[in-house]
Amino acid sequence: QGEKMRVVFFKTVLLLLWILRVNGWMHSKCNIYDYVDDMPDRDCLQGYSKGLIASCKYVTDIEEDLHGLPQNINNLCISMTMDENGIMSLDFFSQFHDLEYLDINGCFSQILPTGNSQALSNLEYMRLQALWVTGCCDCNVGSNTFRYLVKLSNLTISKFRLSSMAPDVFNGIPNLRNVSIGNSCVKDLSEILCRLMYIKSLTDLVIEAQEIQTLNQSNCPILNTNESMTPVFNNLTGCSLIFGEITHIEEGALDCFKNLEKFSSYLNEELLLQLPLSGIKQIHLLRYFGSEHIDFRSICNLVFLLSIKKLEFNTNYPISFSMYHVDLCVGLESIVLTRTLHFYTSISQIKWNFISTLKNVTYLSVYDRTENSLDLCSFQKQPITWLNKLVLYLNIQFFFSNQFSCLVNLLYLKYKSKLSNIEDFAFLGLRLLEYLDLSNNNITHIHANTFYGLYSLIWLDLRENPLIHNTEALSFTHLTSLREVFLGKLNSPLREPVIKLNLTLIFGDILSQLTQLYITSSMRPMYIGRCVEI
């Protein structure tokens, strides 16, 4: 009887351990995971994960609610309640000697430093956010609050009012290299830059300040009259500035930033002329939001002056340009044109011959649901050899034969909108194309020559199309490089309750080389063989 009791006890312990393994550590507000893939809310880690992970939600008192967690936690994500949570001391985390990553989503009235120089001595990444707060969190953070975080290299602060923190709040962090300041509820860029001046090891910086409308020369009390802020930011290897609607740019306002990784803002035509006078010498990516109709030549003038390589152009107005508008955009390597339709419904006028001028562009994306022309190749006397990736959201319902024949080096093609008919040999000439995404269209038929000529195609996505089950025989047999196919949901006429699909007839010999084939009928995904009844 005693032996049986031991066996029952042993099995119970194994069951409990299995439950812990599947569901995480048994804790009232926290779950613990060995692997990030086991976490349903892994976004808090921002891709950073090493070792044991703890995720705690609905926390009201950090010191009390985290009691009982293992001390060897490496990554800790905390989501506070929506109310202000009083005072937080960094001493609350002194028990976690191995903590390397700390993410806190919550608002506090004050953050106190730790009095223990060994506490959080291994912390490398810290993110403080107040996502649930309307406006900004007014949190008092004093001088040298983070001074004992000797290994801290990445710091993100979002929706905390920066003006509530001490001017030297970042002083004494010896290895801080990457800083991201998001929506800090300040209207003067100086409030941010003057605090960053204390970070001597800074190399990467992201500032998002939607409230700032005017860019003026910075005025920091720490500087003498003849001193400049520029030397403080000389070591920056990556810097992104993200603003809302800018109404004025003072000359020299951004003189401390010579090269920007990204600049994003709503700008009118006058401000496009002011930006080169701000002190910026080069921008890698310009994300432009148009609040009024603008001549695209003004954009290209800025591209030329600031050596811009990537352009994201967003506007409510019709996109209207051609070769005539883009001469000075010749240095661009990537273009994203997006037209939203909230207020204006006039038809755009895109003359696709502009691509023949932009011989450095390898990536082109156009989102304009009113544009009903896609004449890329008929005007071309020579092949377009520079374009590798093409993404389109247009009002095109029909692909005609040889539609893309001039794009001889295209590797990736994506089209999403209302495409319903594909003429035979539409993709002829795309011998190097590897990825074709035609998902979310109105395609109903696949014919034997629909994909003819795609000899290098390895990935094909046809999901979210009203495809009928009788795809024509031999439709895919010539796609000798094909590895992954997503056919999605196949529809059946009402008079046929069972869909019969002969895969060998459709794919031929290439069926054996496929590594993934996704087909579903109604809501039932399945694995299929050479011939299947759905």
Protein backbone atom coordinates (compact mmCIF):
# COMPACT_ATOMS: atom_id res chain seq x y z
CA GLN A 1 0.00 0.00 0.00
CA GLY A 2 2.89 2.34 0.84
CA GLU A 3 4.49 1.64 -2.54
CA LYS A 4 1.23 2.48 -4.32
CA MET A 5 0.98 5.75 -2.37
CA ARG A 6 4.54 6.67 -3.42
CA VAL A 7 3.71 5.93 -7.06
CA VAL A 8 0.55 8.05 -6.89
CA PHE A 9 2.50 10.88 -5.23
CA PHE A 10 5.28 10.65 -7.80
CA LYS A 11 2.78 10.81 -10.69
CA THR A 12 1.04 13.79 -9.07
CA VAL A 13 4.36 15.64 -8.81
CA LEU A 14 5.13 14.87 -12.47
CA LEU A 15 1.69 16.17 -13.47
CA LEU A 16 2.24 19.36 -11.48
CA LEU A 17 5.65 19.87 -13.09
CA TRP A 18 4.11 19.33 -16.53
CA ILE A 19 1.42 21.93 -15.76
CA LEU A 20 4.10 24.39 -14.66
CA ARG A 21 6.03 23.72 -17.84
CA VAL A 22 3.01 24.32 -20.06
CA ASN A 23 1.38 27.25 -18.29
CA GLY A 24 4.36 28.96 -16.65
CA TRP A 25 5.21 29.48 -13.00
CA MET A 26 2.25 29.32 -10.61
CA HIS A 27 2.02 32.94 -9.46
CA SER A 28 -0.94 35.21 -8.86
CA LYS A 29 0.13 37.89 -11.34
CA CYS A 30 3.20 36.55 -13.15
CA ASN A 31 4.01 33.77 -15.59
CA ILE A 32 7.52 32.49 -16.15
CA TYR A 33 8.83 31.12 -19.44
CA ASP A 34 12.03 29.44 -20.52
CA TYR A 35 11.61 30.44 -24.15
CA VAL A 36 10.21 33.58 -25.78
CA ASP A 37 8.23 31.44 -28.23
CA ASP A 38 6.10 30.22 -25.32
CA MET A 39 4.97 33.76 -24.48
CA PRO A 40 1.61 35.02 -25.82
CA ASP A 41 2.67 38.64 -25.09
CA ARG A 42 6.24 38.54 -26.37
CA ASP A 43 6.03 42.06 -27.85
CA CYS A 44 7.21 43.52 -24.57
CA LEU A 45 10.65 42.01 -25.23
CA GLN A 46 11.15 43.85 -28.54
CA GLY A 47 13.06 40.88 -29.91
CA TYR A 48 15.47 40.83 -26.95
CA SER A 49 15.46 37.63 -24.92
CA LYS A 50 18.11 35.65 -23.10
CA GLY A 51 17.42 33.26 -20.24
CA LEU A 52 14.41 33.10 -17.92
CA ILE A 53 11.45 35.43 -18.67
CA ALA A 54 8.80 36.73 -16.27
CA SER A 55 5.63 38.44 -17.51
CA CYS A 56 3.53 40.16 -14.85
CA LYS A 57 0.15 41.83 -15.48
CA TYR A 58 -2.35 43.93 -13.51
CA VAL A 59 0.38 44.89 -11.04
CA THR A 60 -0.58 47.49 -8.44
CA ASP A 61 2.39 47.24 -6.08
CA ILE A 62 5.66 46.08 -7.64
CA GLU A 63 7.38 45.14 -4.38
CA GLU A 64 4.42 43.15 -3.11
CA ASP A 65 3.11 41.65 -6.37
CA LEU A 66 6.54 40.39 -7.50
CA HIS A 67 7.28 38.72 -4.20
CA GLY A 68 8.08 35.05 -4.63
CA LEU A 69 9.49 35.24 -8.15
CA PRO A 70 12.76 33.35 -8.75
CA GLN A 71 15.79 35.53 -8.20
CA ASN A 72 17.50 34.31 -11.37
CA ILE A 73 15.04 36.10 -13.69
CA ASN A 74 16.84 37.54 -16.76
CA ASN A 75 13.94 39.33 -18.46
CA LEU A 76 11.06 41.04 -16.67
CA CYS A 77 7.93 42.56 -18.27
CA ILE A 78 5.56 44.43 -15.96
CA SER A 79 2.18 45.88 -16.89
CA MET A 80 0.74 48.13 -14.19
CA THR A 81 -2.89 49.08 -13.71
CA MET A 82 -4.13 52.14 -15.60
CA ASP A 83 -4.14 54.39 -12.52
CA GLU A 84 -1.11 56.26 -11.25
CA ASN A 85 0.91 53.84 -9.18
CA GLY A 86 2.62 56.06 -6.60
CA ILE A 87 6.36 55.88 -5.97
CA MET A 88 8.59 53.27 -7.57
CA SER A 89 12.06 52.60 -6.24
CA LEU A 90 14.69 50.79 -8.28
CA ASP A 91 15.47 48.98 -5.03
CA PHE A 92 12.33 46.91 -5.70
CA PHE A 93 14.38 44.97 -8.25
CA SER A 94 17.51 44.46 -6.17
CA GLN A 95 16.57 40.81 -5.53
CA PHE A 96 16.95 39.98 -9.26
CA HIS A 97 20.75 39.81 -9.51
CA ASP A 98 20.73 38.44 -13.08
CA LEU A 99 18.19 40.89 -14.52
CA GLU A 100 19.29 42.10 -17.96
CA TYR A 101 16.01 43.34 -19.49
CA LEU A 102 13.33 45.39 -17.70
CA ASP A 103 10.11 46.61 -19.35
CA ILE A 104 7.57 48.56 -17.27
CA ASN A 105 4.28 49.82 -18.67
CA GLY A 106 2.84 52.13 -16.04
CA CYS A 107 2.75 55.64 -14.61
CA PHE A 108 4.38 56.64 -11.32
CA SER A 109 4.46 59.87 -9.35
CA GLN A 110 8.18 59.40 -8.66
CA ILE A 111 11.05 57.04 -9.45
CA LEU A 112 13.68 56.71 -6.73
CA PRO A 113 17.28 55.53 -7.26
CA THR A 114 18.68 52.43 -5.63
CA GLY A 115 20.97 52.86 -2.66
CA ASN A 116 22.77 49.61 -3.46
CA SER A 117 25.56 49.93 -6.02
CA GLN A 118 25.25 46.20 -6.82
CA ALA A 119 21.51 46.28 -7.51
CA LEU A 120 20.65 46.04 -11.21
CA SER A 121 24.36 45.89 -11.98
CA ASN A 122 23.65 43.52 -14.90
CA LEU A 123 20.75 45.49 -16.42
CA GLU A 124 21.41 46.25 -20.09
CA TYR A 125 18.00 47.19 -21.50
CA MET A 126 15.29 49.25 -19.77
CA ARG A 127 12.01 50.49 -21.21
CA LEU A 128 9.63 52.79 -19.30
CA GLN A 129 6.25 53.41 -20.92
CA ALA A 130 2.91 54.87 -19.85
CA LEU A 131 0.75 53.56 -22.67
CA TRP A 132 -2.53 53.65 -20.76
CA VAL A 133 -2.19 57.28 -19.71
CA THR A 134 -4.08 60.03 -21.50
CA GLY A 135 -1.48 62.62 -22.40
CA CYS A 136 1.78 62.12 -20.51
CA CYS A 137 2.81 60.70 -17.15
CA ASP A 138 4.01 63.43 -14.78
CA CYS A 139 6.73 61.46 -13.02
CA ASN A 140 9.41 63.12 -10.93
CA VAL A 141 12.83 61.60 -11.63
CA GLY A 142 15.73 63.26 -9.86
CA SER A 143 19.42 63.72 -10.62
CA ASN A 144 21.56 60.61 -10.97
CA THR A 145 18.56 58.30 -10.52
CA PHE A 146 20.12 55.78 -12.90
CA ARG A 147 23.76 56.22 -11.82
CA TYR A 148 24.27 52.63 -10.61
CA LEU A 149 23.06 51.09 -13.86
CA VAL A 150 26.64 50.56 -14.96
CA LYS A 151 25.83 48.12 -17.80
CA LEU A 152 22.75 49.89 -19.13
CA SER A 153 23.22 50.33 -22.88
CA ASN A 154 19.63 50.69 -24.16
CA LEU A 155 17.02 53.04 -22.66
CA THR A 156 13.52 53.78 -23.95
CA ILE A 157 11.22 56.33 -22.30
CA SER A 158 7.77 56.87 -23.80
CA LYS A 159 4.82 59.04 -22.71
CA PHE A 160 6.67 60.36 -19.66
CA ARG A 161 6.73 64.16 -19.49
CA LEU A 162 10.42 64.90 -19.81
CA SER A 163 10.13 68.36 -18.26
CA SER A 164 9.11 66.68 -14.98
CA MET A 165 12.54 65.07 -14.81
CA ALA A 166 15.75 66.69 -13.60
CA PRO A 167 17.89 68.40 -16.27
CA ASP A 168 20.71 65.91 -15.51
CA VAL A 169 18.46 62.88 -15.17
CA PHE A 170 20.71 60.85 -17.50
CA ASN A 171 23.96 61.83 -15.81
CA GLY A 172 26.25 59.09 -14.57
CA ILE A 173 25.24 56.20 -16.89
CA PRO A 174 28.66 55.19 -18.22
CA ASN A 175 27.74 52.80 -21.06
CA LEU A 176 24.43 54.15 -22.35
CA ARG A 177 24.59 54.03 -26.15
CA ASN A 178 21.03 53.64 -27.50
CA VAL A 179 18.29 56.05 -26.38
CA SER A 180 14.72 56.36 -27.61
CA ILE A 181 12.50 59.21 -26.40
CA GLY A 182 8.87 58.85 -27.46
CA ASN A 183 6.06 61.42 -27.09
CA SER A 184 7.47 63.26 -24.10
CA CYS A 185 4.85 66.07 -24.14
CA VAL A 186 7.33 68.88 -24.67
CA LYS A 187 6.98 71.67 -27.23
CA ASP A 188 10.63 72.70 -27.30
CA LEU A 189 13.26 70.32 -28.66
CA SER A 190 15.74 71.85 -26.20
CA GLU A 191 13.91 70.10 -23.35
CA ILE A 192 15.08 66.82 -24.86
CA LEU A 193 18.48 67.71 -26.29
CA CYS A 194 19.73 69.48 -23.15
CA ARG A 195 19.08 66.34 -21.11
CA LEU A 196 20.76 64.11 -23.67
CA MET A 197 23.96 66.16 -23.46
CA TYR A 198 24.86 64.31 -20.27
CA ILE A 199 25.12 61.00 -22.13
CA LYS A 200 28.74 60.98 -23.24
CA SER A 201 28.61 57.47 -24.76
CA LEU A 202 25.53 58.05 -26.96
CA THR A 203 25.73 56.50 -30.44
CA ASP A 204 22.10 55.81 -31.49
CA LEU A 205 19.17 58.15 -30.89
CA VAL A 206 15.45 58.13 -31.73
CA ILE A 207 13.28 61.13 -30.83
CA GLU A 208 9.53 61.12 -31.45
CA ALA A 209 7.93 64.42 -30.49
CA GLN A 210 4.51 64.91 -32.06
CA GLU A 211 3.80 68.00 -29.94
CA ILE A 212 6.71 70.03 -31.28
CA GLN A 213 5.59 72.41 -34.03
CA THR A 214 8.52 74.81 -34.30
CA LEU A 215 12.18 73.85 -34.53
CA ASN A 216 14.36 76.53 -32.93
CA GLN A 217 18.02 76.70 -32.03
CA SER A 218 18.61 74.89 -28.77
CA ASN A 219 19.35 76.88 -25.67
CA CYS A 220 20.87 74.85 -22.84
CA PRO A 221 21.79 76.55 -19.54
CA ILE A 222 24.68 74.09 -19.17
CA LEU A 223 26.42 75.66 -22.17
CA ASN A 224 28.40 78.87 -22.15
CA THR A 225 27.48 81.51 -24.69
CA ASN A 226 30.14 80.44 -27.19
CA GLU A 227 29.67 76.70 -26.78
CA SER A 228 27.89 74.48 -29.26
CA MET A 229 25.86 71.30 -28.75
CA THR A 230 27.41 69.72 -31.84
CA PRO A 231 30.40 67.98 -30.15
CA VAL A 232 28.03 66.14 -27.81
CA PHE A 233 26.39 64.37 -30.75
CA ASN A 234 29.51 63.82 -32.85
CA ASN A 235 29.60 60.11 -32.01
CA LEU A 236 26.09 59.43 -33.30
CA THR A 237 26.06 56.65 -35.90
CA GLY A 238 22.25 56.53 -36.13
CA CYS A 239 19.73 59.28 -35.44
CA SER A 240 15.99 59.48 -36.24
CA LEU A 241 13.75 62.51 -35.70
CA ILE A 242 9.97 61.99 -35.88
CA PHE A 243 7.71 65.02 -35.62
CA GLY A 244 4.06 65.81 -36.23
CA GLU A 245 3.09 68.94 -38.17
CA ILE A 246 5.98 71.38 -38.25
CA THR A 247 5.03 75.02 -38.89
CA HIS A 248 8.45 76.72 -38.69
CA ILE A 249 12.11 75.72 -38.94
CA GLU A 250 14.67 78.22 -37.71
CA GLU A 251 17.98 78.41 -39.52
CA GLY A 252 20.55 76.22 -37.74
CA ALA A 253 17.91 74.60 -35.52
CA LEU A 254 19.26 71.09 -36.18
CA ASP A 255 22.88 72.04 -36.58
CA CYS A 256 23.98 69.45 -34.02
CA PHE A 257 22.71 66.67 -36.31
CA LYS A 258 24.70 66.48 -39.52
CA ASN A 259 23.47 63.10 -40.74
CA LEU A 260 20.05 61.61 -39.99
CA GLU A 261 18.96 58.03 -40.46
CA LYS A 262 15.32 59.14 -40.66
CA PHE A 263 13.39 62.41 -40.67
CA SER A 264 9.60 62.24 -40.51
CA SER A 265 7.12 65.12 -40.48
CA TYR A 266 4.17 66.92 -42.09
CA LEU A 267 5.75 69.62 -44.23
CA ASN A 268 4.43 72.21 -46.65
CA GLU A 269 6.31 73.49 -49.69
CA GLU A 270 7.82 76.43 -47.79
CA LEU A 271 9.23 74.16 -45.10
CA LEU A 272 10.83 71.95 -47.74
CA LEU A 273 12.95 74.99 -48.58
CA GLN A 274 13.74 75.67 -44.90
CA LEU A 275 14.86 72.15 -44.02
CA PRO A 276 18.26 72.34 -45.81
CA LEU A 277 18.97 75.53 -43.83
CA SER A 278 18.37 73.78 -40.51
CA GLY A 279 21.93 72.44 -40.41
CA ILE A 280 21.18 68.91 -41.62
CA LYS A 281 23.58 67.78 -44.32
CA GLN A 282 22.21 64.36 -45.15
CA ILE A 283 19.05 62.26 -44.57
CA HIS A 284 18.97 58.56 -45.37
CA LEU A 285 15.16 58.14 -45.16
CA LEU A 286 12.69 61.00 -45.57
CA ARG A 287 9.12 60.19 -44.49
CA TYR A 288 7.00 63.03 -45.83
CA PHE A 289 3.34 63.61 -44.97
CA GLY A 290 1.69 66.13 -47.23
CA SER A 291 -0.86 68.47 -45.69
CA GLU A 292 -1.42 70.25 -48.99
CA HIS A 293 -0.98 69.65 -52.70
CA ILE A 294 2.70 69.87 -53.58
CA ASP A 295 4.76 69.83 -56.75
CA PHE A 296 6.81 66.64 -56.66
CA ARG A 297 9.77 68.57 -58.06
CA SER A 298 10.07 70.29 -54.65
CA ILE A 299 10.49 66.88 -53.05
CA CYS A 300 13.15 65.93 -55.58
CA ASN A 301 14.98 69.19 -54.95
CA LEU A 302 15.22 68.22 -51.27
CA VAL A 303 16.32 64.71 -52.26
CA PHE A 304 19.17 66.22 -54.25
CA LEU A 305 20.28 68.74 -51.61
CA LEU A 306 20.27 66.27 -48.69
CA SER A 307 21.45 63.14 -50.56
CA ILE A 308 18.28 61.27 -49.57
CA LYS A 309 18.32 57.56 -50.45
CA LYS A 310 14.87 56.44 -49.34
CA LEU A 311 11.61 58.36 -49.74
CA GLU A 312 8.21 57.61 -48.23
CA PHE A 313 5.71 60.08 -49.68
CA ASN A 314 2.24 60.15 -48.06
CA THR A 315 -0.49 62.50 -49.23
CA ASN A 316 -4.26 62.97 -49.31
CA TYR A 317 -4.00 64.59 -52.70
CA PRO A 318 -3.79 62.93 -56.11
CA ILE A 319 -0.28 61.79 -56.99
CA SER A 320 0.70 63.49 -60.23
CA PHE A 321 4.16 63.14 -61.70
CA SER A 322 6.21 61.76 -64.57
CA MET A 323 9.79 61.84 -65.92
CA TYR A 324 9.51 65.63 -65.96
CA HIS A 325 9.18 65.79 -62.15
CA VAL A 326 11.88 63.38 -61.00
CA ASP A 327 15.19 64.47 -62.59
CA LEU A 328 16.67 65.49 -59.24
CA CYS A 329 15.46 62.27 -57.57
CA VAL A 330 17.99 60.20 -59.48
CA GLY A 331 19.90 59.32 -56.28
CA LEU A 332 16.91 57.54 -54.71
CA GLU A 333 17.22 53.82 -54.03
CA SER A 334 13.76 53.20 -52.53
CA ILE A 335 10.39 54.91 -53.12
CA VAL A 336 7.08 54.39 -51.30
CA LEU A 337 4.16 56.44 -52.66
CA THR A 338 1.00 56.33 -50.56
CA ARG A 339 -2.18 58.19 -51.26
CA THR A 340 -4.96 58.09 -48.66
CA LEU A 341 -8.49 58.82 -49.81
CA HIS A 342 -10.07 60.46 -46.80
CA PHE A 343 -10.83 63.83 -48.33
CA TYR A 344 -10.00 63.95 -52.01
CA THR A 345 -11.15 61.50 -54.65
CA SER A 346 -9.76 63.05 -57.83
CA ILE A 347 -7.97 60.61 -60.09
CA SER A 348 -4.18 60.46 -59.86
CA GLN A 349 -2.05 60.93 -62.95
CA ILE A 350 0.99 58.71 -62.77
CA LYS A 351 3.04 58.34 -65.93
CA TRP A 352 5.00 55.20 -65.23
CA ASN A 353 7.85 56.24 -67.50
CA PHE A 354 9.31 58.00 -64.46
CA ILE A 355 10.95 54.72 -63.49
CA SER A 356 13.25 54.87 -66.52
CA THR A 357 14.83 58.04 -65.08
CA LEU A 358 15.40 56.66 -61.56
CA LYS A 359 18.12 54.14 -62.41
CA ASN A 360 19.17 53.60 -58.77
CA VAL A 361 15.74 52.59 -57.47
CA THR A 362 15.68 48.94 -56.41
CA TYR A 363 12.41 49.09 -54.42
CA LEU A 364 9.14 50.72 -55.52
CA SER A 365 5.80 50.66 -53.70
CA VAL A 366 2.70 52.52 -54.89
CA TYR A 367 -0.53 52.61 -52.86
CA ASP A 368 -3.27 54.51 -54.68
CA ARG A 369 -6.67 52.87 -55.06
CA THR A 370 -7.78 55.39 -57.73
CA GLU A 371 -4.85 54.80 -60.08
CA ASN A 372 -6.10 52.60 -62.94
CA SER A 373 -3.00 52.50 -65.12
CA LEU A 374 0.05 50.26 -64.90
CA ASP A 375 1.93 50.88 -68.11
CA LEU A 376 5.43 50.01 -66.99
CA CYS A 377 6.99 48.49 -70.07
CA SER A 378 5.35 49.62 -73.33
CA PHE A 379 7.43 52.82 -73.42
CA GLN A 380 10.70 51.06 -72.61
CA LYS A 381 13.28 50.60 -75.38
CA GLN A 382 15.74 48.97 -72.96
CA PRO A 383 15.07 46.57 -70.04
CA ILE A 384 14.72 48.00 -66.54
CA THR A 385 17.60 46.22 -64.83
CA TRP A 386 17.71 48.13 -61.54
CA LEU A 387 14.30 47.33 -59.99
CA ASN A 388 14.30 44.25 -57.69
CA LYS A 389 11.15 44.64 -55.60
CA LEU A 390 7.73 45.97 -56.66
CA VAL A 391 4.67 46.37 -54.37
CA LEU A 392 1.39 47.71 -55.82
CA TYR A 393 -2.08 48.57 -54.46
CA LEU A 394 -3.93 50.02 -57.46
CA ASN A 395 -7.33 50.01 -59.14
CA ILE A 396 -6.21 47.47 -61.74
CA GLN A 397 -8.45 44.46 -62.40
CA PHE A 398 -6.64 42.96 -65.38
CA PHE A 399 -3.05 41.90 -66.07
CA PHE A 400 -2.39 41.71 -69.79
CA SER A 401 0.19 39.62 -71.63
CA ASN A 402 3.81 40.76 -71.12
CA GLN A 403 2.66 43.26 -68.47
CA PHE A 404 6.03 43.13 -66.65
CA SER A 405 8.35 41.93 -69.43
CA CYS A 406 10.84 44.80 -69.06
CA LEU A 407 11.52 44.09 -65.35
CA VAL A 408 14.18 41.51 -66.12
CA ASN A 409 15.83 41.54 -62.66
CA LEU A 410 12.68 41.67 -60.53
CA LEU A 411 12.88 39.29 -57.54
CA TYR A 412 9.69 40.16 -55.62
CA LEU A 413 6.25 41.20 -56.88
CA LYS A 414 3.22 41.91 -54.72
CA TYR A 415 -0.17 43.12 -55.93
CA LYS A 416 -3.22 43.54 -53.67
CA SER A 417 -6.49 45.12 -54.72
CA LYS A 418 -9.18 44.05 -57.21
CA LEU A 419 -7.24 41.90 -59.66
CA SER A 420 -9.67 39.40 -61.17
CA ASN A 421 -8.21 38.33 -64.52
CA ILE A 422 -4.68 37.39 -65.52
CA GLU A 423 -4.07 37.00 -69.22
CA ASP A 424 -1.81 34.17 -70.40
CA PHE A 425 1.92 35.04 -70.33
CA ALA A 426 1.32 38.11 -68.13
CA PHE A 427 4.53 37.35 -66.21
CA LEU A 428 6.64 36.45 -69.23
CA GLY A 429 10.13 37.93 -68.92
CA LEU A 430 10.33 37.66 -65.12
CA ARG A 431 12.87 34.85 -65.28
CA LEU A 432 14.49 35.80 -61.95
CA LEU A 433 11.28 36.38 -59.95
CA GLU A 434 11.39 34.36 -56.70
CA TYR A 435 8.41 35.68 -54.71
CA LEU A 436 4.93 36.39 -56.09
CA ASP A 437 2.18 37.59 -53.72
CA LEU A 438 -1.29 37.90 -55.28
CA SER A 439 -3.23 37.39 -52.06
CA ASN A 440 -6.35 39.47 -51.26
CA ASN A 441 -7.59 39.92 -54.82
CA ASN A 442 -10.57 38.63 -56.85
CA ILE A 443 -8.83 35.89 -58.84
CA THR A 444 -11.20 33.03 -59.75
CA HIS A 445 -9.30 31.07 -62.40
CA ILE A 446 -5.79 29.73 -62.86
CA HIS A 447 -4.97 28.67 -66.41
CA ALA A 448 -2.14 26.55 -67.79
CA ASN A 449 -0.15 29.62 -68.95
CA THR A 450 -1.07 32.04 -66.14
CA PHE A 451 2.37 31.73 -64.52
CA TYR A 452 4.30 30.76 -67.62
CA GLY A 453 7.93 31.90 -67.61
CA LEU A 454 8.43 32.06 -63.82
CA TYR A 455 11.28 29.55 -63.81
CA SER A 456 12.92 30.91 -60.63
CA LEU A 457 9.70 31.23 -58.58
CA ILE A 458 10.06 29.59 -55.15
CA TRP A 459 7.14 31.20 -53.23
CA LEU A 460 3.57 31.78 -54.45
CA ASP A 461 0.72 33.22 -52.35
CA LEU A 462 -2.87 33.12 -53.66
CA ARG A 463 -4.70 33.27 -50.34
CA GLU A 464 -7.90 35.31 -49.89
CA ASN A 465 -9.00 34.93 -53.51
CA PRO A 466 -12.36 33.42 -54.59
CA LEU A 467 -10.56 30.60 -56.41
CA ILE A 468 -12.77 27.81 -57.70
CA HIS A 469 -11.55 24.24 -57.37
CA ASN A 470 -11.16 23.39 -61.06
CA THR A 471 -7.75 24.99 -61.57
CA GLU A 472 -6.64 24.10 -65.07
CA ALA A 473 -4.40 21.07 -65.55
CA LEU A 474 -0.62 21.61 -65.72
CA SER A 475 -0.95 25.13 -64.27
CA PHE A 476 2.16 24.78 -62.09
CA THR A 477 4.18 22.03 -63.78
CA HIS A 478 6.67 24.42 -65.42
CA LEU A 479 7.50 26.18 -62.11
CA THR A 480 10.54 23.99 -61.55
CA SER A 481 11.93 26.01 -58.61
CA LEU A 482 8.67 26.23 -56.66
CA ARG A 483 8.91 25.24 -52.98
CA GLU A 484 6.06 26.97 -51.10
CA VAL A 485 2.49 27.42 -52.37
CA PHE A 486 -0.43 29.05 -50.53
CA LEU A 487 -3.68 28.42 -52.40
CA GLY A 488 -5.87 29.36 -49.46
CA LYS A 489 -9.58 28.54 -49.38
CA LEU A 490 -10.98 26.77 -52.43
CA ASN A 491 -14.65 27.36 -53.19
CA SER A 492 -17.01 24.77 -54.61
CA PRO A 493 -20.24 25.25 -56.60
CA LEU A 494 -23.28 24.58 -54.39
CA ARG A 495 -24.28 21.64 -56.55
CA GLU A 496 -20.99 19.91 -55.67
CA PRO A 497 -20.87 19.18 -51.92
CA VAL A 498 -17.41 17.57 -52.24
CA ILE A 499 -14.35 19.23 -53.80
CA LYS A 500 -12.16 16.76 -55.65
CA LEU A 501 -8.63 17.98 -56.26
CA ASN A 502 -6.02 16.05 -58.21
CA LEU A 503 -2.73 17.59 -57.21
CA THR A 504 -0.67 15.48 -59.57
CA LEU A 505 -2.65 16.80 -62.50
CA ILE A 506 -2.04 20.41 -61.40
CA PHE A 507 1.57 20.22 -60.14
CA GLY A 508 2.95 17.25 -62.07
CA ASP A 509 6.45 16.16 -61.08
CA ILE A 510 7.17 19.28 -59.00
CA LEU A 511 4.70 18.11 -56.33
CA SER A 512 7.43 16.03 -54.66
CA GLN A 513 9.74 19.07 -54.31
CA LEU A 514 7.26 21.27 -52.43
CA THR A 515 8.16 21.94 -48.81
CA GLN A 516 4.85 23.66 -47.96
CA LEU A 517 1.44 23.45 -49.61
CA TYR A 518 -1.42 25.28 -47.91
CA ILE A 519 -5.00 24.54 -48.98
CA THR A 520 -8.19 24.88 -46.99
CA SER A 521 -11.87 24.34 -47.63
CA SER A 522 -14.26 26.44 -45.53
CA MET A 523 -12.64 26.48 -42.07
CA ARG A 524 -10.80 23.16 -42.25
CA PRO A 525 -7.06 23.30 -42.98
CA MET A 526 -5.60 19.90 -43.90
CA TYR A 527 -2.64 17.90 -45.07
CA ILE A 528 -3.08 16.46 -48.50
CA GLY A 529 -1.56 13.80 -50.72
CA ARG A 530 -1.42 13.44 -54.47
CA CYS A 531 -5.18 13.20 -54.81
CA VAL A 532 -7.53 14.50 -52.18
CA GLU A 533 -11.23 14.84 -51.48
CA ILE A 534 -12.16 17.87 -49.41
